[in-house]
Amino acid sequence: MPIEPRDDSSRNHAQPVGSVPCAEHRQTLLKGGELNAAITSALVGIHTEHLGRGPSGASTFHYRDVLVTLMRDVLTPAERSLTRHNQTEAVNRMRRLFQETMEADFREAVERLTGRKVLAFISGHSVAPDTAAEVFILDAPL
């Protein structure tokens, strides 16, 4: 007796890590403020995992194919100490290394939550005021 293929279309399938959801799955993705909140939470979690502490405040907004997350009070106690001792350039170099280290995780989270591919990632920070900006250029508007 031949085996009939099983119809799994009604089952929920988890997205593999690093994959962009298919068009069918995009219909269930978050939108608007819920999407912004989910991205903020994901990026703050990644930041905390890598640096041992998260920012004191963060927010995300998007317009068409651009998504921006702003984080305030991001420097670690060690970075703050270096800044107080006129070692701002050392802090800037370290911060760039941290941002490069977190890039793959940031991209994956944004792609998973938006259902869009990240075409470009631009990360920047300021020591005074203590603020970071994570900018994502997506392959299609949200």
Foldseek 3Di string as FASTA:
>chain_A
DDDDDDDPVVPDDDDPQQDQDDPVVLVVFDDDPVLFVQLFVQVQVLLCVLPVHGAPDKTWDDDKQKIKIKGFRSDDPVLVVCVVVVNPVVSQVVVVVSCVVSVVSSQRSNSHRNSWHFPDWDKDADVVRGMIMIMTGTPTTD
